[in-house]
Amino acid sequence: MDKQYRCYIASSNELAEHIKELLPELEKRNIYVTSRWWEYYDRIKETDDFCSIAYYQFRQIEDSDFLILFGDPDKEIQFNGANIELGFAIGKLKKTFSVFRFKRSLMHYIDEPCYDIPELLEQIDRFIKYKNGEDPDEYKFA
């Protein structure tokens, strides 16, 4: 069995349906999504315990091999909370990918930008090959 990798998907709840379209492709690659926050988003909105939720999400990022910043396939977008998650992942030296278009942000110069899902999956496949020692010279990661 292939090694299982773990990823965190940072995005907006409004994009949950688009995120769900990516999940079967991640599963084919034996990639586990550490937090499916969009499945319990309604409960998150109703709580006052934001500190516990934030620490839980940060632990999920810390437990990941990489983070995907998932944008809107139809328009350029700028995040608030997802950018915090991206910054946390970068601070923990996680590999980060972004998919679709984003308004200019300094954080986005660190990640691996992808313009569509096929390109994202291609970059993830390259990352996995690198991590498995199959392609040590092809791709450089911090």
Protein backbone atom coordinates (compact mmCIF):
# COMPACT_ATOMS: atom_id res chain seq x y z
CA MET A 1 0.00 0.00 0.00
CA ASP A 2 1.22 3.49 -0.80
CA LYS A 3 2.19 5.82 2.01
CA GLN A 4 -0.73 7.93 3.12
CA TYR A 5 -0.24 11.68 2.98
CA ARG A 6 -2.32 14.21 4.86
CA CYS A 7 -3.53 17.59 3.71
CA TYR A 8 -5.51 20.50 5.04
CA ILE A 9 -7.79 22.49 2.73
CA ALA A 10 -8.08 26.18 3.58
CA SER A 11 -10.95 28.02 1.92
CA SER A 12 -14.35 29.57 2.43
CA ASN A 13 -17.53 27.70 3.32
CA GLU A 14 -19.16 29.21 0.22
CA LEU A 15 -16.79 27.05 -1.86
CA ALA A 16 -17.58 23.76 -0.07
CA GLU A 17 -19.33 22.21 -3.08
CA HIS A 18 -16.27 22.87 -5.25
CA ILE A 19 -13.99 21.43 -2.57
CA LYS A 20 -16.07 18.25 -2.46
CA GLU A 21 -15.35 17.75 -6.18
CA LEU A 22 -11.64 17.53 -5.35
CA LEU A 23 -12.00 14.90 -2.61
CA PRO A 24 -12.30 11.78 -4.84
CA GLU A 25 -9.07 12.74 -6.61
CA LEU A 26 -7.28 13.12 -3.28
CA GLU A 27 -8.66 9.77 -2.10
CA LYS A 28 -7.33 8.09 -5.29
CA ARG A 29 -3.89 9.33 -4.26
CA ASN A 30 -4.29 8.01 -0.70
CA ILE A 31 -4.41 11.56 0.66
CA TYR A 32 -6.36 12.05 3.88
CA VAL A 33 -7.95 15.44 4.50
CA THR A 34 -7.24 16.24 8.15
CA SER A 35 -10.28 18.47 8.66
CA ARG A 36 -13.55 18.51 6.76
CA TRP A 37 -14.54 21.72 8.52
CA TRP A 38 -17.24 22.46 5.92
CA GLU A 39 -19.22 19.46 7.26
CA TYR A 40 -19.65 21.10 10.67
CA TYR A 41 -19.47 24.75 9.65
CA ASP A 42 -23.01 25.49 10.89
CA ARG A 43 -22.00 24.40 14.41
CA ILE A 44 -18.88 26.57 14.20
CA LYS A 45 -21.01 29.64 13.42
CA GLU A 46 -23.15 29.03 16.51
CA THR A 47 -20.38 28.78 19.08
CA ASP A 48 -18.65 31.41 21.15
CA ASP A 49 -15.62 29.19 21.71
CA PHE A 50 -13.64 30.41 18.70
CA CYS A 51 -10.33 29.91 20.50
CA SER A 52 -10.85 26.14 20.79
CA ILE A 53 -11.92 25.91 17.17
CA ALA A 54 -8.86 27.87 16.01
CA TYR A 55 -6.49 25.66 18.01
CA TYR A 56 -8.21 22.55 16.69
CA GLN A 57 -7.78 23.76 13.10
CA PHE A 58 -4.14 24.70 13.72
CA ARG A 59 -3.49 21.19 15.08
CA GLN A 60 -5.02 19.75 11.90
CA ILE A 61 -2.69 21.91 9.80
CA GLU A 62 0.29 20.91 11.92
CA ASP A 63 -0.64 17.25 11.40
CA SER A 64 -0.72 17.70 7.61
CA ASP A 65 2.00 17.11 5.04
CA PHE A 66 0.73 20.01 2.93
CA LEU A 67 -1.99 22.64 2.67
CA ILE A 68 -4.20 23.50 -0.29
CA LEU A 69 -5.50 27.07 -0.45
CA PHE A 70 -8.68 26.52 -2.47
CA GLY A 71 -10.02 29.57 -4.29
CA ASP A 72 -13.08 30.30 -6.39
CA PRO A 73 -12.98 28.71 -9.86
CA ASP A 74 -15.12 31.55 -11.27
CA LYS A 75 -13.48 34.73 -9.96
CA GLU A 76 -10.47 36.20 -8.23
CA ILE A 77 -10.85 36.02 -4.45
CA GLN A 78 -9.23 37.31 -1.28
CA PHE A 79 -9.48 35.42 2.00
CA ASN A 80 -9.13 36.47 5.60
CA GLY A 81 -9.22 33.34 7.76
CA ALA A 82 -7.80 31.04 5.08
CA ASN A 83 -4.81 33.38 4.74
CA ILE A 84 -4.18 32.94 8.48
CA GLU A 85 -4.22 29.17 7.95
CA LEU A 86 -1.86 29.56 4.99
CA GLY A 87 0.50 31.68 7.08
CA PHE A 88 0.41 29.12 9.90
CA ALA A 89 1.26 26.31 7.45
CA ILE A 90 4.14 28.34 6.00
CA GLY A 91 5.39 29.05 9.52
CA LYS A 92 5.34 25.30 10.21
CA LEU A 93 7.36 24.77 6.98
CA LYS A 94 4.54 22.86 5.29
CA LYS A 95 4.37 22.66 1.51
CA THR A 96 1.51 24.84 0.31
CA PHE A 97 -0.42 24.87 -2.95
CA SER A 98 -3.02 27.34 -4.13
CA VAL A 99 -5.60 26.67 -6.81
CA PHE A 100 -7.48 29.28 -8.86
CA ARG A 101 -6.91 33.02 -8.73
CA PHE A 102 -6.33 35.19 -5.69
CA LYS A 103 -6.01 38.90 -5.11
CA ARG A 104 -2.42 39.83 -4.50
CA SER A 105 -1.04 38.75 -1.14
CA LEU A 106 2.53 38.36 -0.03
CA MET A 107 1.75 34.88 1.34
CA HIS A 108 0.89 33.67 -2.15
CA TYR A 109 4.46 34.10 -3.34
CA ILE A 110 5.50 31.22 -1.10
CA ASP A 111 3.03 28.59 -2.28
CA GLU A 112 2.85 26.57 -5.50
CA PRO A 113 0.24 28.41 -7.62
CA CYS A 114 -2.06 26.29 -9.79
CA TYR A 115 -4.68 27.65 -12.13
CA ASP A 116 -7.02 24.66 -12.20
CA ILE A 117 -7.63 21.28 -10.56
CA PRO A 118 -5.65 19.21 -13.12
CA GLU A 119 -2.59 21.42 -12.57
CA LEU A 120 -3.03 21.16 -8.78
CA LEU A 121 -3.18 17.37 -8.98
CA GLU A 122 -0.10 17.29 -11.21
CA GLN A 123 1.83 19.38 -8.66
CA ILE A 124 0.62 17.19 -5.78
CA ASP A 125 1.72 14.08 -7.70
CA ARG A 126 5.18 15.63 -8.18
CA PHE A 127 5.35 16.47 -4.47
CA ILE A 128 4.44 12.89 -3.51
CA LYS A 129 7.05 11.48 -5.90
CA TYR A 130 9.61 13.78 -4.33
CA LYS A 131 8.60 12.78 -0.79
CA ASN A 132 8.79 9.09 -1.79
CA GLY A 133 12.32 9.58 -3.13
CA GLU A 134 11.23 8.74 -6.66
CA ASP A 135 12.14 12.07 -8.23
CA PRO A 136 14.83 13.71 -6.07
CA ASP A 137 16.24 16.06 -8.72
CA GLU A 138 13.05 16.97 -10.53
CA TYR A 139 11.47 19.19 -7.91
CA LYS A 140 12.82 21.26 -5.07
CA PHE A 141 10.91 21.72 -1.85
CA ALA A 142 11.93 23.52 1.31
